[in-house]
Every structure is written in structure tokens, then in C-alpha cells.
């Protein structure tokens, strides 16, 4: 069912989900600090709860997607 819905076109044309996600991405300083923790202290990061680690993974994937679509992901949020 999902494959069928992904191929569906809307009245105003097909949707580019990656572009929509890239446009919605906002820098989160808490996630940036968590990424620094992962890089600096991986043993501590590995002991953290699964939801924090999963959240960081989703955040990093969305950040990479935003960068691929031309957004400045290094600019600090206001």
C-alpha cells in the first residue's frame, strides 16, 4: 500500500518528500551537543537510552538531507 501511495500524484504535481523535509529542518542545539558527545565520548553515548540515540540518528539523517538540498546546516538557529 505504501509503495502505491508513494507513486501517487497530486492535482498540482508530484511531491518531493526529501525537499519538503529539507525545508522543514531546523537546527537543534541540543542535538548538536549530543552529536559532540557521541564523537568525543562514544562509550558514554553508548550507555545512553535508545530514544536519545535514535533521535540523534533521525536528526543527523534530516540534517544530511537538508545539506544535500542546499540548506546551510551550520548556521545557528535564532
PDB file of N, CA and C in Angstrom:
ATOM      1  N   UNK A   1       0.826  -1.195   0.000  1.00  0.00           N
ATOM      2  CA  UNK A   1       0.000   0.000   0.000  1.00  0.00           C
ATOM      3  C   UNK A   1       0.866   1.253   0.000  1.00  0.00           C
ATOM      4  N   UNK A   2       1.935   1.254   0.788  1.00  0.00           N
ATOM      5  CA  UNK A   2       2.794   2.423   0.878  1.00  0.00           C
ATOM      6  C   UNK A   2       3.448   2.733  -0.459  1.00  0.00           C
ATOM      7  N   UNK A   3       3.885   1.698  -1.190  1.00  0.00           N
ATOM      8  CA  UNK A   3       4.510   1.906  -2.498  1.00  0.00           C
ATOM      9  C   UNK A   3       3.519   2.561  -3.456  1.00  0.00           C
ATOM     10  N   UNK A   4       2.271   2.157  -3.385  1.00  0.00           N
ATOM     11  CA  UNK A   4       1.231   2.742  -4.234  1.00  0.00           C
ATOM     12  C   UNK A   4       1.023   4.207  -3.893  1.00  0.00           C
ATOM     13  N   UNK A   5       0.963   4.512  -2.600  1.00  0.00           N
ATOM     14  CA  UNK A   5       0.768   5.894  -2.182  1.00  0.00           C
ATOM     15  C   UNK A   5       1.981   6.765  -2.529  1.00  0.00           C
ATOM     16  N   UNK A   6       3.179   6.199  -2.450  1.00  0.00           N
ATOM     17  CA  UNK A   6       4.379   6.965  -2.786  1.00  0.00           C
ATOM     18  C   UNK A   6       4.412   7.348  -4.262  1.00  0.00           C
ATOM     19  N   UNK A   7       3.771   6.547  -5.112  1.00  0.00           N
ATOM     20  CA  UNK A   7       3.758   6.826  -6.548  1.00  0.00           C
ATOM     21  C   UNK A   7       2.601   7.746  -6.946  1.00  0.00           C
ATOM     22  N   UNK A   8       1.691   8.011  -6.014  1.00  0.00           N
ATOM     23  CA  UNK A   8       0.513   8.831  -6.314  1.00  0.00           C
ATOM     24  C   UNK A   8       0.931  10.261  -6.631  1.00  0.00           C
ATOM     25  N   UNK A   9       0.226  10.860  -7.574  1.00  0.00           N
ATOM     26  CA  UNK A   9       0.468  12.256  -7.902  1.00  0.00           C
ATOM     27  C   UNK A   9      -0.722  13.077  -7.411  1.00  0.00           C
ATOM     28  N   UNK A  10      -0.430  14.290  -7.060  1.00  0.00           N
ATOM     29  CA  UNK A  10      -1.464  15.183  -6.565  1.00  0.00           C
ATOM     30  C   UNK A  10      -1.901  16.095  -7.701  1.00  0.00           C
ATOM     31  N   UNK A  11      -2.983  16.816  -7.496  1.00  0.00           N
ATOM     32  CA  UNK A  11      -3.520  17.674  -8.542  1.00  0.00           C
ATOM     33  C   UNK A  11      -2.503  18.709  -9.021  1.00  0.00           C
ATOM     34  N   UNK A  12      -1.650  19.173  -8.119  1.00  0.00           N
ATOM     35  CA  UNK A  12      -0.663  20.182  -8.509  1.00  0.00           C
ATOM     36  C   UNK A  12       0.703  19.569  -8.809  1.00  0.00           C
ATOM     37  N   UNK A  13       0.778  18.251  -8.986  1.00  0.00           N
ATOM     38  CA  UNK A  13       2.024  17.590  -9.365  1.00  0.00           C
ATOM     39  C   UNK A  13       2.550  16.688  -8.273  1.00  0.00           C
ATOM     40  N   UNK A  14       3.600  15.961  -8.578  1.00  0.00           N
ATOM     41  CA  UNK A  14       4.161  15.027  -7.594  1.00  0.00           C
ATOM     42  C   UNK A  14       4.842  15.750  -6.439  1.00  0.00           C
ATOM     43  N   UNK A  15       4.886  15.109  -5.308  1.00  0.00           N
ATOM     44  CA  UNK A  15       5.523  15.666  -4.121  1.00  0.00           C
ATOM     45  C   UNK A  15       6.980  15.203  -4.055  1.00  0.00           C
ATOM     46  N   UNK A  16       7.861  16.088  -3.669  1.00  0.00           N
ATOM     47  CA  UNK A  16       9.248  15.737  -3.417  1.00  0.00           C
ATOM     48  C   UNK A  16       9.419  15.721  -1.901  1.00  0.00           C
ATOM     49  N   UNK A  17       9.271  14.529  -1.321  1.00  0.00           N
ATOM     50  CA  UNK A  17       9.289  14.404   0.140  1.00  0.00           C
ATOM     51  C   UNK A  17      10.609  14.857   0.733  1.00  0.00           C
ATOM     52  N   UNK A  18      11.714  14.554   0.061  1.00  0.00           N
ATOM     53  CA  UNK A  18      13.016  14.962   0.593  1.00  0.00           C
ATOM     54  C   UNK A  18      13.155  16.473   0.617  1.00  0.00           C
ATOM     55  N   UNK A  19      12.639  17.155  -0.387  1.00  0.00           N
ATOM     56  CA  UNK A  19      12.700  18.612  -0.410  1.00  0.00           C
ATOM     57  C   UNK A  19      11.817  19.195   0.693  1.00  0.00           C
ATOM     58  N   UNK A  20      10.659  18.615   0.888  1.00  0.00           N
ATOM     59  CA  UNK A  20       9.750  19.083   1.938  1.00  0.00           C
ATOM     60  C   UNK A  20      10.410  18.916   3.303  1.00  0.00           C
ATOM     61  N   UNK A  21      11.054  17.761   3.534  1.00  0.00           N
ATOM     62  CA  UNK A  21      11.739  17.519   4.811  1.00  0.00           C
ATOM     63  C   UNK A  21      12.920  18.470   4.972  1.00  0.00           C
ATOM     64  N   UNK A  22      13.639  18.735   3.885  1.00  0.00           N
ATOM     65  CA  UNK A  22      14.785  19.651   3.949  1.00  0.00           C
ATOM     66  C   UNK A  22      14.323  21.062   4.294  1.00  0.00           C
ATOM     67  N   UNK A  23      13.218  21.491   3.719  1.00  0.00           N
ATOM     68  CA  UNK A  23      12.697  22.828   4.002  1.00  0.00           C
ATOM     69  C   UNK A  23      12.208  22.959   5.449  1.00  0.00           C
ATOM     70  N   UNK A  24      11.751  21.855   6.034  1.00  0.00           N
ATOM     71  CA  UNK A  24      11.223  21.887   7.399  1.00  0.00           C
ATOM     72  C   UNK A  24      12.312  21.733   8.454  1.00  0.00           C
ATOM     73  N   UNK A  25      13.519  21.332   8.046  1.00  0.00           N
ATOM     74  CA  UNK A  25      14.585  21.071   9.023  1.00  0.00           C
ATOM     75  C   UNK A  25      15.020  22.351   9.722  1.00  0.00           C
ATOM     76  N   UNK A  26      15.190  22.244  11.035  1.00  0.00           N
ATOM     77  CA  UNK A  26      15.693  23.364  11.832  1.00  0.00           C
ATOM     78  C   UNK A  26      16.810  22.845  12.725  1.00  0.00           C
ATOM     79  N   UNK A  27      17.848  23.642  12.860  1.00  0.00           N
ATOM     80  CA  UNK A  27      18.982  23.271  13.706  1.00  0.00           C
ATOM     81  C   UNK A  27      18.535  23.203  15.163  1.00  0.00           C
ATOM     82  N   UNK A  28      18.958  22.162  15.842  1.00  0.00           N
ATOM     83  CA  UNK A  28      18.623  21.957  17.251  1.00  0.00           C
ATOM     84  C   UNK A  28      19.930  21.858  18.029  1.00  0.00           C
ATOM     85  N   UNK A  29      20.193  22.837  18.863  1.00  0.00           N
ATOM     86  CA  UNK A  29      21.455  22.887  19.596  1.00  0.00           C
ATOM     87  C   UNK A  29      21.607  21.712  20.554  1.00  0.00           C
ATOM     88  N   UNK A  30      20.512  21.202  21.080  1.00  0.00           N
ATOM     89  CA  UNK A  30      20.598  20.030  21.960  1.00  0.00           C
ATOM     90  C   UNK A  30      21.103  18.815  21.192  1.00  0.00           C
ATOM     91  N   UNK A  31      20.630  18.646  19.967  1.00  0.00           N
ATOM     92  CA  UNK A  31      21.089  17.527  19.136  1.00  0.00           C
ATOM     93  C   UNK A  31      22.546  17.724  18.716  1.00  0.00           C
ATOM     94  N   UNK A  32      22.927  18.964  18.466  1.00  0.00           N
ATOM     95  CA  UNK A  32      24.319  19.245  18.114  1.00  0.00           C
ATOM     96  C   UNK A  32      25.246  18.877  19.278  1.00  0.00           C
ATOM     97  N   UNK A  33      24.824  19.195  20.506  1.00  0.00           N
ATOM     98  CA  UNK A  33      25.613  18.823  21.683  1.00  0.00           C
ATOM     99  C   UNK A  33      25.672  17.310  21.850  1.00  0.00           C
ATOM    100  N   UNK A  34      24.577  16.630  21.556  1.00  0.00           N
ATOM    101  CA  UNK A  34      24.553  15.172  21.630  1.00  0.00           C
ATOM    102  C   UNK A  34      25.493  14.559  20.596  1.00  0.00           C
ATOM    103  N   UNK A  35      25.560  15.147  19.421  1.00  0.00           N
ATOM    104  CA  UNK A  35      26.483  14.669  18.385  1.00  0.00           C
ATOM    105  C   UNK A  35      27.931  14.862  18.822  1.00  0.00           C
ATOM    106  N   UNK A  36      28.206  15.982  19.487  1.00  0.00           N
ATOM    107  CA  UNK A  36      29.555  16.215  20.012  1.00  0.00           C
ATOM    108  C   UNK A  36      29.905  15.181  21.074  1.00  0.00           C
ATOM    109  N   UNK A  37      28.934  14.847  21.921  1.00  0.00           N
ATOM    110  CA  UNK A  37      29.145  13.831  22.944  1.00  0.00           C
ATOM    111  C   UNK A  37      29.451  12.481  22.300  1.00  0.00           C
ATOM    112  N   UNK A  38      28.708  12.151  21.252  1.00  0.00           N
ATOM    113  CA  UNK A  38      28.939  10.877  20.561  1.00  0.00           C
ATOM    114  C   UNK A  38      30.351  10.813  19.990  1.00  0.00           C
ATOM    115  N   UNK A  39      30.816  11.916  19.436  1.00  0.00           N
ATOM    116  CA  UNK A  39      32.147  11.941  18.831  1.00  0.00           C
ATOM    117  C   UNK A  39      33.251  11.930  19.897  1.00  0.00           C
ATOM    118  N   UNK A  40      33.054  12.665  20.970  1.00  0.00           N
ATOM    119  CA  UNK A  40      34.102  12.806  21.982  1.00  0.00           C
ATOM    120  C   UNK A  40      34.136  11.652  22.981  1.00  0.00           C
ATOM    121  N   UNK A  41      32.960  11.142  23.332  1.00  0.00           N
ATOM    122  CA  UNK A  41      32.869  10.104  24.363  1.00  0.00           C
ATOM    123  C   UNK A  41      31.905   9.000  23.911  1.00  0.00           C
ATOM    124  N   UNK A  42      32.297   8.181  22.940  1.00  0.00           N
ATOM    125  CA  UNK A  42      31.377   7.159  22.415  1.00  0.00           C
ATOM    126  C   UNK A  42      30.926   6.142  23.467  1.00  0.00           C
ATOM    127  N   UNK A  43      31.793   5.856  24.448  1.00  0.00           N
ATOM    128  CA  UNK A  43      31.408   4.890  25.488  1.00  0.00           C
ATOM    129  C   UNK A  43      30.267   5.430  26.347  1.00  0.00           C
ATOM    130  N   UNK A  44      30.273   6.713  26.622  1.00  0.00           N
ATOM    131  CA  UNK A  44      29.179   7.341  27.372  1.00  0.00           C
ATOM    132  C   UNK A  44      27.919   7.376  26.523  1.00  0.00           C
ATOM    133  N   UNK A  45      28.077   7.727  25.264  1.00  0.00           N
ATOM    134  CA  UNK A  45      26.932   7.795  24.350  1.00  0.00           C
ATOM    135  C   UNK A  45      26.266   6.426  24.230  1.00  0.00           C
ATOM    136  N   UNK A  46      27.068   5.362  24.169  1.00  0.00           N
ATOM    137  CA  UNK A  46      26.516   4.015  24.033  1.00  0.00           C
ATOM    138  C   UNK A  46      25.704   3.584  25.246  1.00  0.00           C
ATOM    139  N   UNK A  47      25.955   4.180  26.393  1.00  0.00           N
ATOM    140  CA  UNK A  47      25.201   3.848  27.603  1.00  0.00           C
ATOM    141  C   UNK A  47      23.915   4.662  27.736  1.00  0.00           C
ATOM    142  N   UNK A  48      23.715   5.610  26.863  1.00  0.00           N
ATOM    143  CA  UNK A  48      22.501   6.438  26.925  1.00  0.00           C
ATOM    144  C   UNK A  48      21.291   5.629  26.460  1.00  0.00           C
ATOM    145  N   UNK A  49      20.140   6.142  26.743  1.00  0.00           N
ATOM    146  CA  UNK A  49      18.898   5.484  26.343  1.00  0.00           C
ATOM    147  C   UNK A  49      18.748   5.425  24.829  1.00  0.00           C
ATOM    148  N   UNK A  50      18.007   4.432  24.391  1.00  0.00           N
ATOM    149  CA  UNK A  50      17.824   4.200  22.951  1.00  0.00           C
ATOM    150  C   UNK A  50      17.092   5.361  22.289  1.00  0.00           C
ATOM    151  N   UNK A  51      16.164   5.999  22.983  1.00  0.00           N
ATOM    152  CA  UNK A  51      15.406   7.070  22.333  1.00  0.00           C
ATOM    153  C   UNK A  51      16.281   8.275  22.021  1.00  0.00           C
ATOM    154  N   UNK A  52      17.247   8.582  22.879  1.00  0.00           N
ATOM    155  CA  UNK A  52      18.165   9.692  22.596  1.00  0.00           C
ATOM    156  C   UNK A  52      19.046   9.345  21.400  1.00  0.00           C
ATOM    157  N   UNK A  53      19.523   8.108  21.341  1.00  0.00           N
ATOM    158  CA  UNK A  53      20.383   7.701  20.222  1.00  0.00           C
ATOM    159  C   UNK A  53      19.601   7.656  18.914  1.00  0.00           C
ATOM    160  N   UNK A  54      18.355   7.183  18.974  1.00  0.00           N
ATOM    161  CA  UNK A  54      17.519   7.158  17.768  1.00  0.00           C
ATOM    162  C   UNK A  54      17.193   8.573  17.313  1.00  0.00           C
ATOM    163  N   UNK A  55      16.888   9.442  18.257  1.00  0.00           N
ATOM    164  CA  UNK A  55      16.573  10.833  17.910  1.00  0.00           C
ATOM    165  C   UNK A  55      17.748  11.486  17.209  1.00  0.00           C
ATOM    166  N   UNK A  56      18.954  11.231  17.706  1.00  0.00           N
ATOM    167  CA  UNK A  56      20.138  11.789  17.062  1.00  0.00           C
ATOM    168  C   UNK A  56      20.297  11.236  15.656  1.00  0.00           C
ATOM    169  N   UNK A  57      20.041   9.961  15.478  1.00  0.00           N
ATOM    170  CA  UNK A  57      20.131   9.362  14.143  1.00  0.00           C
ATOM    171  C   UNK A  57      19.172  10.003  13.157  1.00  0.00           C
ATOM    172  N   UNK A  58      17.937  10.200  13.577  1.00  0.00           N
ATOM    173  CA  UNK A  58      16.953  10.862  12.714  1.00  0.00           C
ATOM    174  C   UNK A  58      17.366  12.305  12.426  1.00  0.00           C
ATOM    175  N   UNK A  59      17.840  12.971  13.447  1.00  0.00           N
ATOM    176  CA  UNK A  59      18.271  14.362  13.287  1.00  0.00           C
ATOM    177  C   UNK A  59      19.416  14.451  12.275  1.00  0.00           C
ATOM    178  N   UNK A  60      20.410  13.568  12.416  1.00  0.00           N
ATOM    179  CA  UNK A  60      21.556  13.594  11.507  1.00  0.00           C
ATOM    180  C   UNK A  60      21.151  13.249  10.080  1.00  0.00           C
ATOM    181  N   UNK A  61      20.206  12.323   9.911  1.00  0.00           N
ATOM    182  CA  UNK A  61      19.716  11.991   8.575  1.00  0.00           C
ATOM    183  C   UNK A  61      19.001  13.186   7.944  1.00  0.00           C
ATOM    184  N   UNK A  62      18.171  13.858   8.728  1.00  0.00           N
ATOM    185  CA  UNK A  62      17.470  15.039   8.218  1.00  0.00           C
ATOM    186  C   UNK A  62      18.436  16.183   7.935  1.00  0.00           C
ATOM    187  N   UNK A  63      19.466  16.310   8.762  1.00  0.00           N
ATOM    188  CA  UNK A  63      20.481  17.348   8.547  1.00  0.00           C
ATOM    189  C   UNK A  63      21.234  17.089   7.244  1.00  0.00           C
ATOM    190  N   UNK A  64      21.605  15.833   6.996  1.00  0.00           N
ATOM    191  CA  UNK A  64      22.289  15.484   5.745  1.00  0.00           C
ATOM    192  C   UNK A  64      21.382  15.733   4.539  1.00  0.00           C
ATOM    193  N   UNK A  65      20.105  15.433   4.682  1.00  0.00           N
ATOM    194  CA  UNK A  65      19.147  15.686   3.613  1.00  0.00           C
ATOM    195  C   UNK A  65      19.022  17.181   3.337  1.00  0.00           C
ATOM    196  N   UNK A  66      18.970  17.986   4.397  1.00  0.00           N
ATOM    197  CA  UNK A  66      18.872  19.440   4.228  1.00  0.00           C
ATOM    198  C   UNK A  66      20.130  19.983   3.549  1.00  0.00           C
ATOM    199  N   UNK A  67      21.294  19.470   3.946  1.00  0.00           N
ATOM    200  CA  UNK A  67      22.549  19.908   3.317  1.00  0.00           C
ATOM    201  C   UNK A  67      22.573  19.522   1.846  1.00  0.00           C
ATOM    202  N   UNK A  68      22.072  18.338   1.525  1.00  0.00           N
ATOM    203  CA  UNK A  68      22.035  17.883   0.127  1.00  0.00           C
ATOM    204  C   UNK A  68      21.112  18.744  -0.725  1.00  0.00           C
ATOM    205  N   UNK A  69      20.140  19.382  -0.087  1.00  0.00           N
ATOM    206  CA  UNK A  69      19.215  20.251  -0.811  1.00  0.00           C
ATOM    207  C   UNK A  69      19.609  21.727  -0.725  1.00  0.00           C
ATOM    208  N   UNK A  70      20.839  21.990  -0.311  1.00  0.00           N
ATOM    209  CA  UNK A  70      21.362  23.343  -0.379  1.00  0.00           C
ATOM    210  C   UNK A  70      21.131  24.220   0.833  1.00  0.00           C
ATOM    211  N   UNK A  71      20.641  23.663   1.920  1.00  0.00           N
ATOM    212  CA  UNK A  71      20.432  24.464   3.123  1.00  0.00           C
ATOM    213  C   UNK A  71      21.744  24.585   3.900  1.00  0.00           C
ATOM    214  N   UNK A  72      21.936  25.729   4.549  1.00  0.00           N
ATOM    215  CA  UNK A  72      23.105  25.932   5.379  1.00  0.00           C
ATOM    216  C   UNK A  72      22.828  25.310   6.737  1.00  0.00           C
ATOM    217  N   UNK A  73      23.385  24.115   6.975  1.00  0.00           N
ATOM    218  CA  UNK A  73      23.115  23.393   8.212  1.00  0.00           C
ATOM    219  C   UNK A  73      24.047  23.804   9.346  1.00  0.00           C
ATOM    220  N   UNK A  74      25.036  24.624   9.059  1.00  0.00           N
ATOM    221  CA  UNK A  74      25.976  25.063  10.085  1.00  0.00           C
ATOM    222  C   UNK A  74      25.568  26.366  10.758  1.00  0.00           C
ATOM    223  N   UNK A  75      24.607  27.052  10.182  1.00  0.00           N
ATOM    224  CA  UNK A  75      24.129  28.318  10.731  1.00  0.00           C
ATOM    225  C   UNK A  75      23.333  28.053  12.002  1.00  0.00           C
ATOM    226  N   UNK A  76      23.660  28.792  13.054  1.00  0.00           N
ATOM    227  CA  UNK A  76      22.955  28.603  14.311  1.00  0.00           C
ATOM    228  C   UNK A  76      21.550  29.159  14.221  1.00  0.00           C
ATOM    229  N   UNK A  77      20.633  28.493  14.892  1.00  0.00           N
ATOM    230  CA  UNK A  77      19.239  28.939  14.872  1.00  0.00           C
ATOM    231  C   UNK A  77      19.068  30.195  15.706  1.00  0.00           C
ATOM    232  N   UNK A  78      17.993  30.916  15.440  1.00  0.00           N
ATOM    233  CA  UNK A  78      17.725  32.185  16.136  1.00  0.00           C
ATOM    234  C   UNK A  78      16.873  31.954  17.336  1.00  0.00           C
TER     235      UNK A  78
END
